């Protein structure tokens, strides 16, 4: 039962960490795009960004997987990712430092206050409540785990299992190599299984608090967790392009080099023990608890490795490029990147970018079809031939976006993000319908050309004006789908009203020509059919423009 209770404490610890991370992610989700802009500014900004993002996600693996997704989507280069990966290893030390505090007095207040805040309707209050509740559960789980493990320390069989890899230095002040690499192996395998180096560090701190593990063994396992945490990124990179795989390799190289540097420092004596441990005790100060020393060791390892490798930030990518060479044809960017689903704000932004491309292609089809009548030069004729293939591509893009947004719905979303998804789905359906109407316009124009129909000069001028205005409205909709759009949503409404007026006037004028006998009936019917298809196309373009104006920063918050 002691062992079961200890596992229960671990479960609470992991759930609390997940809940706290989710609350922080929701609160910071809209700001993730802002943080992303700093990634490419310079190396120090990259390290800072990696530290901040990892502090939010509470996992260097999650940050690195996100970076892999960015690279696979074409949002980052390998060089820009180096600083983020360096910073991710610093960011992961913050929660470990938090765990080492003995602040049991805040556990119940955090749980009570956090749970109460989740019942509020205000989105920001709920996010803060989830963060507080997660924090309380994290420390509650840690206390249960530490308490149960202290009692397990009285069981010789349990203690002896850990003593097999006792890394206490011998009389010569050197740690036994077999025990050291065994401890590193335990940390590596445990982190691969749990998929969280922080969870393993929490267990190590709990074992140390129970008197089952000393500082030397704890640090050995800790080194292993830093290598084990890179496996997640390696697995994530298996289905990505080669540049993204280089980033995963860079993460592994960083941690392996850091472990090798630490192991070498164990061979340098200082005050009768390895230099690394003497430095930990010096930094921690006299009377520091074992838990605090372990947390400091984790921080010292990651910050020290980062500082030592900063001069080599341009060298490491070249090593990765040599190990995994890339040709231009090997690099294929995927905008709807699956790994970005864990950062909904960025996934939604990527979907909007993909929708923008879809609308551009749908408009190119419409423009090609409308040019068949008066501007069907050789270049346009080639485009007409490709219209069926272009429509299939638009249909496929609609399915891809729908599947991506469906997968995104299964992720923890803020109410705002939940409301943005239907906006994109409706816009995608509108873009697909524009492609369908383009094919109908093409068939109608082919009939007009085959029957050698010649519209009146006035009708041709009206058609040209409508075509030009339709293009302006489409450009307006495309601009509104950009994050920092320059168009005002009211401009779209004005353009739509003007378009409706033009179509109404064109229909009325054409009916008058028919009554006056200036236009034959057959031509008049075809012209009216043409106007009706343009009207339907314009309606879907305006739908996108109207909804796109709501997507970035204009949806009302609940509360």
Protein backbone atom coordinates (compact mmCIF):
# COMPACT_ATOMS: atom_id res chain seq x y z
CA UNK A 1 0.00 0.00 0.00
CA UNK A 2 2.92 2.34 0.66
CA UNK A 3 4.06 1.81 -2.92
CA UNK A 4 0.51 2.33 -4.27
CA UNK A 5 0.15 5.52 -2.22
CA UNK A 6 3.50 6.74 -3.55
CA UNK A 7 2.25 6.13 -7.11
CA UNK A 8 -0.94 8.00 -6.23
CA UNK A 9 1.18 10.94 -5.10
CA UNK A 10 3.09 10.78 -8.38
CA UNK A 11 -0.21 10.75 -10.31
CA UNK A 12 -1.38 13.85 -8.44
CA UNK A 13 1.99 15.50 -9.09
CA UNK A 14 1.77 14.81 -12.84
CA UNK A 15 -1.89 15.88 -13.06
CA UNK A 16 -1.14 19.08 -11.15
CA UNK A 17 1.78 19.83 -13.46
CA UNK A 18 -0.42 19.23 -16.52
CA UNK A 19 -3.26 21.37 -15.15
CA UNK A 20 -0.92 24.20 -14.20
CA UNK A 21 0.74 24.07 -17.62
CA UNK A 22 -2.65 24.09 -19.36
CA UNK A 23 -3.77 27.15 -17.42
CA UNK A 24 -0.55 28.96 -18.28
CA UNK A 25 -0.81 27.94 -21.94
CA UNK A 26 -4.36 29.22 -22.23
CA UNK A 27 -3.38 32.52 -20.61
CA UNK A 28 -0.31 32.85 -22.85
CA UNK A 29 -1.75 31.28 -26.00
CA UNK A 30 -2.58 34.55 -27.75
CA UNK A 31 0.89 35.87 -26.86
CA UNK A 32 2.71 32.86 -28.34
CA UNK A 33 2.73 34.49 -31.77
CA UNK A 34 4.33 37.57 -30.20
CA UNK A 35 6.98 35.45 -28.51
CA UNK A 36 7.60 33.73 -31.84
CA UNK A 37 8.57 37.04 -33.44
CA UNK A 38 11.48 37.35 -31.03
CA UNK A 39 12.87 33.97 -32.04
CA UNK A 40 14.62 35.29 -35.12
CA UNK A 41 15.89 38.60 -33.70
CA UNK A 42 19.19 37.38 -32.22
CA UNK A 43 20.71 34.53 -30.25
CA UNK A 44 20.17 35.98 -26.80
CA UNK A 45 16.54 36.75 -27.65
CA UNK A 46 16.19 33.15 -28.79
CA UNK A 47 17.54 31.85 -25.47
CA UNK A 48 15.19 34.16 -23.58
CA UNK A 49 12.23 33.06 -25.71
CA UNK A 50 13.06 29.38 -25.19
CA UNK A 51 13.29 29.95 -21.43
CA UNK A 52 9.95 31.77 -21.29
CA UNK A 53 8.07 29.27 -23.46
CA UNK A 54 9.45 26.29 -21.52
CA UNK A 55 8.47 27.95 -18.25
CA UNK A 56 4.91 28.05 -19.61
CA UNK A 57 4.89 24.48 -20.98
CA UNK A 58 7.01 23.15 -18.08
CA UNK A 59 8.79 20.80 -20.45
CA UNK A 60 11.84 21.27 -22.66
CA UNK A 61 10.58 18.35 -24.78
CA UNK A 62 7.32 20.16 -25.54
CA UNK A 63 9.20 23.33 -26.49
CA UNK A 64 11.59 21.41 -28.74
CA UNK A 65 8.72 19.52 -30.39
CA UNK A 66 7.05 22.89 -30.98
CA UNK A 67 10.28 24.19 -32.57
CA UNK A 68 10.39 21.08 -34.79
CA UNK A 69 6.84 21.89 -35.85
CA UNK A 70 7.82 25.50 -36.60
CA UNK A 71 10.73 24.38 -38.77
CA UNK A 72 8.61 21.77 -40.56
CA UNK A 73 6.03 24.48 -41.28
CA UNK A 74 8.67 26.90 -42.56
CA UNK A 75 8.26 29.35 -39.66
CA UNK A 76 11.83 28.98 -38.38
CA UNK A 77 15.25 28.10 -39.74
CA UNK A 78 17.72 25.79 -38.02
CA UNK A 79 19.94 28.75 -37.07
CA UNK A 80 17.00 30.57 -35.48
CA UNK A 81 16.07 27.49 -33.46
CA UNK A 82 19.47 27.12 -31.74
CA UNK A 83 18.85 29.82 -29.13
CA UNK A 84 15.36 28.49 -28.37
CA UNK A 85 16.69 24.98 -27.74
CA UNK A 86 19.40 26.39 -25.49
CA UNK A 87 16.81 28.43 -23.58
CA UNK A 88 14.45 25.46 -23.29
CA UNK A 89 16.99 23.67 -21.12
CA UNK A 90 17.15 26.67 -18.78
CA UNK A 91 13.36 27.03 -18.66
CA UNK A 92 12.90 23.46 -17.50
CA UNK A 93 14.89 24.21 -14.32
CA UNK A 94 12.37 26.76 -13.03
CA UNK A 95 9.68 24.25 -12.04
CA UNK A 96 12.34 21.96 -10.54
CA UNK A 97 13.41 24.86 -8.31
CA UNK A 98 9.76 25.41 -7.41
CA UNK A 99 9.29 21.74 -6.48
CA UNK A 100 12.28 21.91 -4.11
CA UNK A 101 10.55 24.53 -1.94
CA UNK A 102 8.82 23.31 1.19
CA UNK A 103 5.69 25.42 1.00
CA UNK A 104 3.03 23.00 2.21
CA UNK A 105 1.15 25.91 3.77
CA UNK A 106 -0.05 27.07 0.33
CA UNK A 107 -1.34 23.67 -0.84
CA UNK A 108 -4.91 23.76 0.43
CA UNK A 109 -5.45 27.51 -0.15
CA UNK A 110 -4.25 27.06 -3.76
CA UNK A 111 -6.56 24.08 -4.32
CA UNK A 112 -9.59 25.77 -2.72
CA UNK A 113 -9.05 29.15 -4.38
CA UNK A 114 -8.11 27.65 -7.75
CA UNK A 115 -11.12 25.32 -7.84
CA UNK A 116 -13.44 28.18 -6.88
CA UNK A 117 -12.08 30.39 -9.66
CA UNK A 118 -12.78 27.73 -12.32
CA UNK A 119 -16.52 28.26 -11.75
CA UNK A 120 -16.34 31.89 -12.87
CA UNK A 121 -17.50 32.89 -16.34
CA UNK A 122 -14.56 35.21 -17.01
CA UNK A 123 -12.03 33.44 -19.21
CA UNK A 124 -8.95 34.99 -17.60
CA UNK A 125 -10.16 34.14 -14.08
CA UNK A 126 -10.72 30.50 -15.11
CA UNK A 127 -7.22 30.29 -16.58
CA UNK A 128 -5.69 31.68 -13.39
CA UNK A 129 -7.84 29.26 -11.37
CA UNK A 130 -6.56 26.27 -13.36
CA UNK A 131 -2.99 27.44 -12.80
CA UNK A 132 -3.49 27.79 -9.02
CA UNK A 133 -5.34 24.47 -8.76
CA UNK A 134 -2.57 22.73 -10.70
CA UNK A 135 0.07 24.32 -8.47
CA UNK A 136 -1.72 23.12 -5.33
CA UNK A 137 -2.17 19.58 -6.66
CA UNK A 138 1.47 19.47 -7.77
CA UNK A 139 2.71 20.21 -4.24
CA UNK A 140 0.05 17.98 -2.69
CA UNK A 141 1.21 15.06 -4.83
CA UNK A 142 4.81 15.85 -3.96
CA UNK A 143 4.04 15.78 -0.22
CA UNK A 144 2.19 12.46 -0.48
CA UNK A 145 4.98 10.93 -2.57
CA UNK A 146 7.71 12.16 -0.19
CA UNK A 147 5.81 10.95 2.88
CA UNK A 148 5.23 7.46 1.49
CA UNK A 149 8.81 7.14 0.25
CA UNK A 150 10.13 8.04 3.69
CA UNK A 151 8.29 5.04 5.07
CA UNK A 152 9.60 2.86 2.25
CA UNK A 153 13.10 3.81 3.39
CA UNK A 154 12.58 1.37 6.29
CA UNK A 155 12.31 -1.55 3.84
CA UNK A 156 15.81 -2.97 3.15
CA UNK A 157 14.82 -4.53 -0.20
CA UNK A 158 13.56 -1.19 -1.54
CA UNK A 159 16.67 0.68 -0.37
CA UNK A 160 19.08 -1.94 -1.70
CA UNK A 161 17.59 -1.58 -5.19
CA UNK A 162 18.87 2.00 -5.27
CA UNK A 163 22.18 1.20 -3.61
CA UNK A 164 23.21 -0.87 -6.62
CA UNK A 165 23.93 2.40 -8.35
CA UNK A 166 25.28 4.30 -5.38
CA UNK A 167 27.50 7.04 -6.83
CA UNK A 168 29.19 8.05 -3.57
CA UNK A 169 32.88 8.82 -4.35
CA UNK A 170 35.51 6.33 -3.20
CA UNK A 171 38.50 7.12 -0.99
CA UNK A 172 40.23 8.70 -4.02
CA UNK A 173 37.36 11.16 -4.40
CA UNK A 174 36.29 9.63 -7.75
CA UNK A 175 32.75 8.37 -8.44
CA UNK A 176 32.71 4.67 -9.53
CA UNK A 177 32.23 4.72 -13.33
CA UNK A 178 29.93 1.67 -13.35
CA UNK A 179 27.58 3.14 -10.76
CA UNK A 180 27.63 6.55 -12.47
CA UNK A 181 26.73 5.27 -15.93
CA UNK A 182 24.17 2.92 -14.36
CA UNK A 183 22.48 5.91 -12.68
CA UNK A 184 22.61 7.86 -15.94
CA UNK A 185 21.00 4.88 -17.68
CA UNK A 186 18.21 4.70 -15.08
CA UNK A 187 17.44 8.40 -15.56
CA UNK A 188 17.49 8.02 -19.33
CA UNK A 189 15.15 5.00 -19.43
CA UNK A 190 12.79 6.41 -16.77
CA UNK A 191 12.43 9.68 -18.70
CA UNK A 192 11.80 7.81 -21.96
CA UNK A 193 8.98 5.91 -20.24
CA UNK A 194 7.42 8.82 -18.34
CA UNK A 195 8.08 11.29 -21.22
CA UNK A 196 8.86 14.03 -18.70
CA UNK A 197 12.24 14.86 -17.21
CA UNK A 198 10.54 17.09 -14.65
CA UNK A 199 8.44 14.18 -13.35
CA UNK A 200 11.61 12.09 -12.95
CA UNK A 201 13.36 14.95 -11.16
CA UNK A 202 10.33 15.23 -8.86
CA UNK A 203 10.67 11.53 -8.03
CA UNK A 204 14.41 11.95 -7.41
CA UNK A 205 13.77 14.88 -5.06
CA UNK A 206 11.10 12.85 -3.23
CA UNK A 207 13.46 9.86 -2.89
CA UNK A 208 16.19 12.13 -1.57
CA UNK A 209 13.79 13.75 0.91
CA UNK A 210 12.97 10.24 2.15
CA UNK A 211 16.62 9.49 2.80
CA UNK A 212 16.77 6.81 0.11
CA UNK A 213 19.14 8.61 -2.26
CA UNK A 214 22.16 10.85 -1.75
CA UNK A 215 23.22 13.86 -3.83
CA UNK A 216 25.76 11.93 -5.93
CA UNK A 217 23.28 9.28 -7.10
CA UNK A 218 20.56 11.89 -7.60
CA UNK A 219 22.81 13.94 -9.90
CA UNK A 220 23.73 10.82 -11.88
CA UNK A 221 20.05 10.06 -12.52
CA UNK A 222 19.43 13.74 -13.24
CA UNK A 223 22.07 13.65 -16.01
CA UNK A 224 20.27 10.69 -17.54
CA UNK A 225 16.95 12.52 -17.54
CA UNK A 226 18.51 15.30 -19.59
CA UNK A 227 19.43 12.82 -22.32
CA UNK A 228 16.15 10.89 -22.03
CA UNK A 229 14.09 14.04 -22.54
CA UNK A 230 15.52 14.40 -26.07
CA UNK A 231 13.93 11.11 -27.20
CA UNK A 232 10.51 12.79 -27.43
CA UNK A 233 11.86 15.30 -29.94
CA UNK A 234 13.59 12.55 -31.93
CA UNK A 235 10.32 10.62 -32.21
CA UNK A 236 8.44 13.78 -33.22
CA UNK A 237 11.00 14.47 -35.95
CA UNK A 238 10.64 11.07 -37.64
CA UNK A 239 7.87 12.28 -39.97
CA UNK A 240 9.24 15.80 -40.58
CA UNK A 241 11.62 17.26 -43.16
CA UNK A 242 15.37 16.91 -42.77
CA UNK A 243 15.88 20.43 -41.38
CA UNK A 244 13.46 19.64 -38.53
CA UNK A 245 15.38 16.40 -37.91
CA UNK A 246 18.56 18.45 -37.66
CA UNK A 247 16.92 20.51 -34.89
CA UNK A 248 16.01 17.33 -32.99
CA UNK A 249 19.61 16.16 -33.36
CA UNK A 250 20.85 19.53 -32.10
CA UNK A 251 18.73 19.12 -28.95
CA UNK A 252 20.26 15.69 -28.35
CA UNK A 253 23.81 16.93 -29.03
CA UNK A 254 23.35 19.81 -26.59
CA UNK A 255 22.34 17.53 -23.75
CA UNK A 256 24.86 14.77 -24.50
CA UNK A 257 27.70 17.31 -24.65
CA UNK A 258 26.46 18.80 -21.36
CA UNK A 259 26.46 15.36 -19.71
CA UNK A 260 29.99 14.66 -20.99
CA UNK A 261 31.20 18.01 -19.61
CA UNK A 262 29.61 17.19 -16.24
CA UNK A 263 31.15 13.70 -16.17
CA UNK A 264 34.59 15.17 -16.94
CA UNK A 265 34.12 17.64 -14.05
CA UNK A 266 33.58 14.64 -11.76
CA UNK A 267 37.22 13.71 -12.42
CA UNK A 268 38.49 17.06 -11.16
CA UNK A 269 38.98 16.96 -7.37
CA UNK A 270 38.06 19.98 -5.24
CA UNK A 271 38.10 19.82 -1.45
CA UNK A 272 38.11 16.02 -1.36
CA UNK A 273 35.17 15.52 -3.78
CA UNK A 274 34.41 16.06 -7.49
CA UNK A 275 34.46 19.72 -8.52
CA UNK A 276 30.84 19.71 -9.74
CA UNK A 277 29.51 18.72 -6.31
CA UNK A 278 31.74 21.15 -4.47
CA UNK A 279 30.34 23.89 -6.71
CA UNK A 280 26.77 22.79 -5.90
CA UNK A 281 27.41 22.97 -2.16
CA UNK A 282 29.08 26.37 -2.55
CA UNK A 283 26.18 27.76 -4.60
CA UNK A 284 23.55 26.25 -2.29
CA UNK A 285 25.14 27.66 0.85
CA UNK A 286 25.62 26.20 4.32
CA UNK A 287 22.65 24.27 5.67
CA UNK A 288 20.87 23.92 2.31
CA UNK A 289 18.52 20.93 2.15
CA UNK A 290 19.30 17.98 -0.08
CA UNK A 291 16.24 18.80 -2.22
CA UNK A 292 17.54 22.33 -2.79
CA UNK A 293 20.99 21.01 -3.73
CA UNK A 294 19.46 18.66 -6.32
CA UNK A 295 17.39 21.49 -7.82
CA UNK A 296 20.52 23.67 -7.91
CA UNK A 297 22.46 20.85 -9.57
CA UNK A 298 19.81 20.71 -12.30
CA UNK A 299 19.97 24.47 -12.77
CA UNK A 300 23.77 24.54 -12.70
CA UNK A 301 23.99 21.75 -15.27
CA UNK A 302 21.64 23.42 -17.78
CA UNK A 303 22.73 27.04 -17.28
CA UNK A 304 26.41 26.00 -17.24
CA UNK A 305 26.05 23.94 -20.43
CA UNK A 306 24.28 26.85 -22.15
CA UNK A 307 26.98 29.34 -21.17
CA UNK A 308 29.77 26.99 -22.26
CA UNK A 309 28.15 26.28 -25.63
CA UNK A 310 27.07 29.84 -26.54
CA UNK A 311 30.37 30.42 -28.42
CA UNK A 312 29.55 27.31 -30.49
CA UNK A 313 25.99 28.29 -31.46
CA UNK A 314 26.97 28.56 -35.11
CA UNK A 315 29.12 25.41 -35.03
CA UNK A 316 26.49 22.98 -33.69
CA UNK A 317 24.05 23.54 -36.60
CA UNK A 318 26.88 22.87 -39.06
CA UNK A 319 27.63 19.59 -37.29
CA UNK A 320 23.95 18.63 -37.56
CA UNK A 321 23.93 19.60 -41.25
CA UNK A 322 26.96 17.39 -41.83
CA UNK A 323 25.35 14.42 -40.07
CA UNK A 324 21.95 14.93 -41.76
CA UNK A 325 22.73 16.66 -45.08
CA UNK A 326 19.90 18.50 -46.80
CA UNK A 327 19.31 19.27 -50.46
CA UNK A 328 16.78 21.86 -51.59
CA UNK A 329 14.52 19.11 -52.95
CA UNK A 330 14.53 17.38 -49.54
CA UNK A 331 12.85 20.29 -47.76
CA UNK A 332 9.07 20.25 -47.90
CA UNK A 333 7.18 22.57 -45.58
CA UNK A 334 3.83 21.56 -44.09
CA UNK A 335 1.75 24.54 -43.03
CA UNK A 336 -0.84 22.43 -41.22
CA UNK A 337 1.87 20.95 -39.00
CA UNK A 338 0.50 18.32 -36.53
CA UNK A 339 3.01 19.25 -33.79
CA UNK A 340 1.63 22.81 -33.74
CA UNK A 341 -1.74 21.50 -32.52
CA UNK A 342 -0.33 21.69 -28.99
CA UNK A 343 -0.10 25.46 -29.41
CA UNK A 344 -3.66 26.24 -30.59
CA UNK A 345 -3.08 29.98 -31.12
CA UNK A 346 -0.28 29.28 -33.60
CA UNK A 347 -2.17 26.35 -35.19
CA UNK A 348 -5.11 28.68 -35.82
CA UNK A 349 -2.80 31.31 -37.31
CA UNK A 350 -1.28 28.68 -39.62
CA UNK A 351 -4.76 27.53 -40.67
CA UNK A 352 -5.67 31.13 -41.55
CA UNK A 353 -2.51 31.34 -43.67
CA UNK A 354 -3.46 28.12 -45.47
CA UNK A 355 -7.00 29.44 -46.00
CA UNK A 356 -5.49 32.59 -47.50
CA UNK A 357 -3.64 30.47 -50.08
CA UNK A 358 -6.83 28.52 -50.77
CA UNK A 359 -8.76 31.75 -51.44
CA UNK A 360 -5.99 33.04 -53.73
CA UNK A 361 -6.18 29.86 -55.80
CA UNK A 362 -9.97 29.94 -55.91
CA UNK A 363 -9.84 33.56 -57.12
CA UNK A 364 -7.26 32.69 -59.78
CA UNK A 365 -9.74 30.09 -61.09
CA UNK A 366 -12.55 32.69 -61.12
CA UNK A 367 -10.34 35.27 -62.82
CA UNK A 368 -9.31 32.73 -65.47
CA UNK A 369 -12.94 31.78 -66.18
CA UNK A 370 -14.07 35.42 -66.50
CA UNK A 371 -11.24 36.18 -68.94
CA UNK A 372 -12.41 33.52 -71.38
CA UNK A 373 -14.85 35.97 -73.00
CA UNK A 374 -12.63 38.95 -73.85
CA UNK A 375 -9.07 38.20 -72.70
CA UNK A 376 -8.57 34.54 -73.57
CA UNK A 377 -4.97 34.79 -74.75
CA UNK A 378 -2.64 31.79 -75.01
CA UNK A 379 -1.61 32.04 -71.37
CA UNK A 380 -5.22 32.09 -70.17
CA UNK A 381 -6.08 29.14 -72.40
CA UNK A 382 -3.38 27.10 -70.64
CA UNK A 383 -4.85 28.10 -67.28
CA UNK A 384 -8.33 27.04 -68.42
CA UNK A 385 -6.99 23.55 -69.15
CA UNK A 386 -5.67 23.28 -65.59
CA UNK A 387 -8.94 24.39 -63.91
CA UNK A 388 -10.26 20.85 -63.17
CA UNK A 389 -6.96 19.97 -61.47
CA UNK A 390 -7.01 23.26 -59.54
CA UNK A 391 -10.53 22.52 -58.31
CA UNK A 392 -9.42 19.09 -57.05
CA UNK A 393 -6.53 20.76 -55.21
CA UNK A 394 -8.93 23.22 -53.54
CA UNK A 395 -11.24 20.37 -52.52
CA UNK A 396 -8.25 18.50 -51.06
CA UNK A 397 -7.15 21.62 -49.21
CA UNK A 398 -10.63 21.99 -47.73
CA UNK A 399 -10.49 18.40 -46.44
CA UNK A 400 -7.02 18.97 -44.98
CA UNK A 401 -8.10 22.11 -43.14
CA UNK A 402 -11.28 20.43 -41.87
CA UNK A 403 -9.28 17.43 -40.58
CA UNK A 404 -6.71 19.73 -38.96
CA UNK A 405 -9.34 21.83 -37.19
CA UNK A 406 -11.15 18.66 -36.08
CA UNK A 407 -7.92 17.44 -34.48
CA UNK A 408 -7.45 20.88 -32.91
CA UNK A 409 -10.90 20.66 -31.30
CA UNK A 410 -9.66 17.71 -29.23
CA UNK A 411 -6.96 19.88 -27.62
CA UNK A 412 -7.48 22.05 -24.52
CA UNK A 413 -8.75 25.33 -25.95
CA UNK A 414 -9.69 28.66 -24.49
CA UNK A 415 -13.30 29.77 -25.14
CA UNK A 416 -11.93 32.32 -27.60
CA UNK A 417 -10.01 29.68 -29.57
CA UNK A 418 -13.10 27.46 -29.58
CA UNK A 419 -15.07 30.29 -31.19
CA UNK A 420 -12.37 30.91 -33.81
CA UNK A 421 -12.54 27.36 -35.20
CA UNK A 422 -16.09 27.63 -36.67
CA UNK A 423 -15.06 30.95 -38.27
CA UNK A 424 -12.27 29.19 -40.16
CA UNK A 425 -14.46 26.21 -41.08
CA UNK A 426 -17.12 28.48 -42.60
CA UNK A 427 -14.47 30.48 -44.48
CA UNK A 428 -12.94 27.27 -45.84
CA UNK A 429 -16.34 26.10 -47.09
CA UNK A 430 -16.87 29.48 -48.76
CA UNK A 431 -13.49 29.24 -50.51
CA UNK A 432 -14.36 25.76 -51.76
CA UNK A 433 -17.69 27.04 -53.14
CA UNK A 434 -15.84 29.84 -54.97
CA UNK A 435 -13.83 27.13 -56.73
CA UNK A 436 -17.05 25.28 -57.65
CA UNK A 437 -18.63 28.44 -59.09
CA UNK A 438 -15.42 29.12 -61.04
CA UNK A 439 -15.93 25.80 -62.83
CA UNK A 440 -19.56 26.72 -63.54
CA UNK A 441 -18.42 30.11 -64.87
CA UNK A 442 -15.87 28.32 -67.06
CA UNK A 443 -18.54 26.00 -68.52
CA UNK A 444 -20.85 28.96 -69.17
CA UNK A 445 -18.09 30.99 -70.83
CA UNK A 446 -17.21 28.02 -73.05
CA UNK A 447 -20.85 27.82 -74.14
CA UNK A 448 -20.84 31.56 -74.90
CA UNK A 449 -17.65 31.21 -76.96
CA UNK A 450 -18.88 28.04 -78.73
CA UNK A 451 -22.15 29.75 -79.72
CA UNK A 452 -20.18 32.83 -80.84
CA UNK A 453 -22.30 35.03 -78.60
CA UNK A 454 -21.40 38.72 -78.78
CA UNK A 455 -22.66 40.94 -75.96
CA UNK A 456 -23.40 44.60 -76.58
CA UNK A 457 -20.66 47.16 -75.97
CA UNK A 458 -22.47 48.42 -72.85
CA UNK A 459 -22.78 44.87 -71.48
CA UNK A 460 -19.07 44.23 -72.06
CA UNK A 461 -18.14 47.43 -70.21
CA UNK A 462 -20.40 46.44 -67.30
CA UNK A 463 -18.78 42.99 -67.20
CA UNK A 464 -15.29 44.54 -67.09
CA UNK A 465 -16.25 46.86 -64.23
CA UNK A 466 -17.82 44.00 -62.25
CA UNK A 467 -14.75 41.81 -62.85
CA UNK A 468 -12.41 44.53 -61.57
CA UNK A 469 -14.54 45.24 -58.49
CA UNK A 470 -14.77 41.52 -57.70
CA UNK A 471 -10.98 41.36 -57.77
CA UNK A 472 -10.74 44.30 -55.35
CA UNK A 473 -13.19 42.65 -52.95
CA UNK A 474 -11.18 39.39 -53.06
CA UNK A 475 -7.92 41.23 -52.32
CA UNK A 476 -9.72 42.88 -49.41
CA UNK A 477 -10.77 39.46 -48.03
CA UNK A 478 -7.25 38.04 -48.44
CA UNK A 479 -5.79 41.02 -46.59
CA UNK A 480 -8.29 40.62 -43.73
CA UNK A 481 -7.08 37.02 -43.26
CA UNK A 482 -3.60 38.33 -42.40
CA UNK A 483 -2.76 38.72 -38.73
CA UNK A 484 -1.68 42.36 -39.04
CA UNK A 485 -4.14 43.29 -41.76
CA UNK A 486 -4.30 46.86 -43.01
CA UNK A 487 -7.88 46.66 -44.29
CA UNK A 488 -10.80 47.74 -42.16
CA UNK A 489 -13.74 45.26 -41.96
CA UNK A 490 -16.06 48.17 -42.77
CA UNK A 491 -14.27 48.48 -46.12
CA UNK A 492 -15.48 44.98 -47.00
CA UNK A 493 -19.08 45.91 -46.17
CA UNK A 494 -18.83 49.03 -48.33
CA UNK A 495 -17.29 47.05 -51.22
CA UNK A 496 -20.03 44.41 -50.90
CA UNK A 497 -22.78 47.04 -50.98
CA UNK A 498 -21.17 48.65 -54.04
CA UNK A 499 -20.91 45.26 -55.75
CA UNK A 500 -24.57 44.46 -55.12
CA UNK A 501 -25.51 47.87 -56.50
CA UNK A 502 -23.41 47.27 -59.64
CA UNK A 503 -25.00 43.85 -60.23
CA UNK A 504 -28.52 45.20 -59.69
CA UNK A 505 -27.89 48.08 -62.09
CA UNK A 506 -26.35 45.72 -64.66
CA UNK A 507 -29.41 43.47 -64.52
CA UNK A 508 -31.83 46.39 -64.77
CA UNK A 509 -29.93 47.99 -67.67
CA UNK A 510 -29.77 44.67 -69.48
CA UNK A 511 -33.52 44.10 -69.04
CA UNK A 512 -34.12 47.55 -70.57
CA UNK A 513 -31.95 46.60 -73.54
CA UNK A 514 -34.05 43.48 -74.01
CA UNK A 515 -37.31 45.48 -73.87
CA UNK A 516 -35.95 47.97 -76.37
CA UNK A 517 -34.85 45.23 -78.75
CA UNK A 518 -31.18 46.18 -78.53
CA UNK A 519 -30.25 42.66 -77.40
CA UNK A 520 -31.47 39.30 -78.66
CA UNK A 521 -33.19 37.02 -76.14
CA UNK A 522 -30.60 34.21 -76.26
CA UNK A 523 -27.73 36.60 -75.47
CA UNK A 524 -29.78 38.28 -72.75
CA UNK A 525 -30.50 34.97 -70.99
CA UNK A 526 -26.80 34.03 -71.04
CA UNK A 527 -25.77 37.46 -69.73
CA UNK A 528 -28.28 37.25 -66.85
CA UNK A 529 -27.06 33.73 -66.02
CA UNK A 530 -23.50 35.06 -65.98
CA UNK A 531 -24.45 37.87 -63.57
CA UNK A 532 -26.20 35.39 -61.27
CA UNK A 533 -23.11 33.17 -61.01
CA UNK A 534 -20.95 36.24 -60.31
CA UNK A 535 -23.43 37.29 -57.61
CA UNK A 536 -23.13 33.86 -55.91
CA UNK A 537 -19.32 34.01 -56.12
CA UNK A 538 -19.28 37.50 -54.64
CA UNK A 539 -21.53 36.40 -51.78
CA UNK A 540 -19.00 33.77 -50.70
CA UNK A 541 -16.08 36.19 -51.06
CA UNK A 542 -17.90 38.67 -48.85
CA UNK A 543 -18.69 35.91 -46.32
CA UNK A 544 -14.95 35.32 -45.95
CA UNK A 545 -14.19 39.04 -45.68
CA UNK A 546 -16.91 39.48 -43.05
CA UNK A 547 -15.78 36.53 -40.93
CA UNK A 548 -12.06 37.24 -41.39
CA UNK A 549 -12.60 40.63 -39.80
CA UNK A 550 -13.76 38.78 -36.68
CA UNK A 551 -10.88 36.31 -36.54
CA UNK A 552 -8.00 38.46 -35.28
CA UNK A 553 -8.82 40.27 -32.07
CA UNK A 554 -12.44 41.07 -32.75
CA UNK A 555 -14.37 38.11 -31.33
CA UNK A 556 -16.07 39.20 -28.09
CA UNK A 557 -14.77 37.63 -24.89
CA UNK A 558 -17.17 35.79 -22.62
CA UNK A 559 -17.44 37.26 -19.13
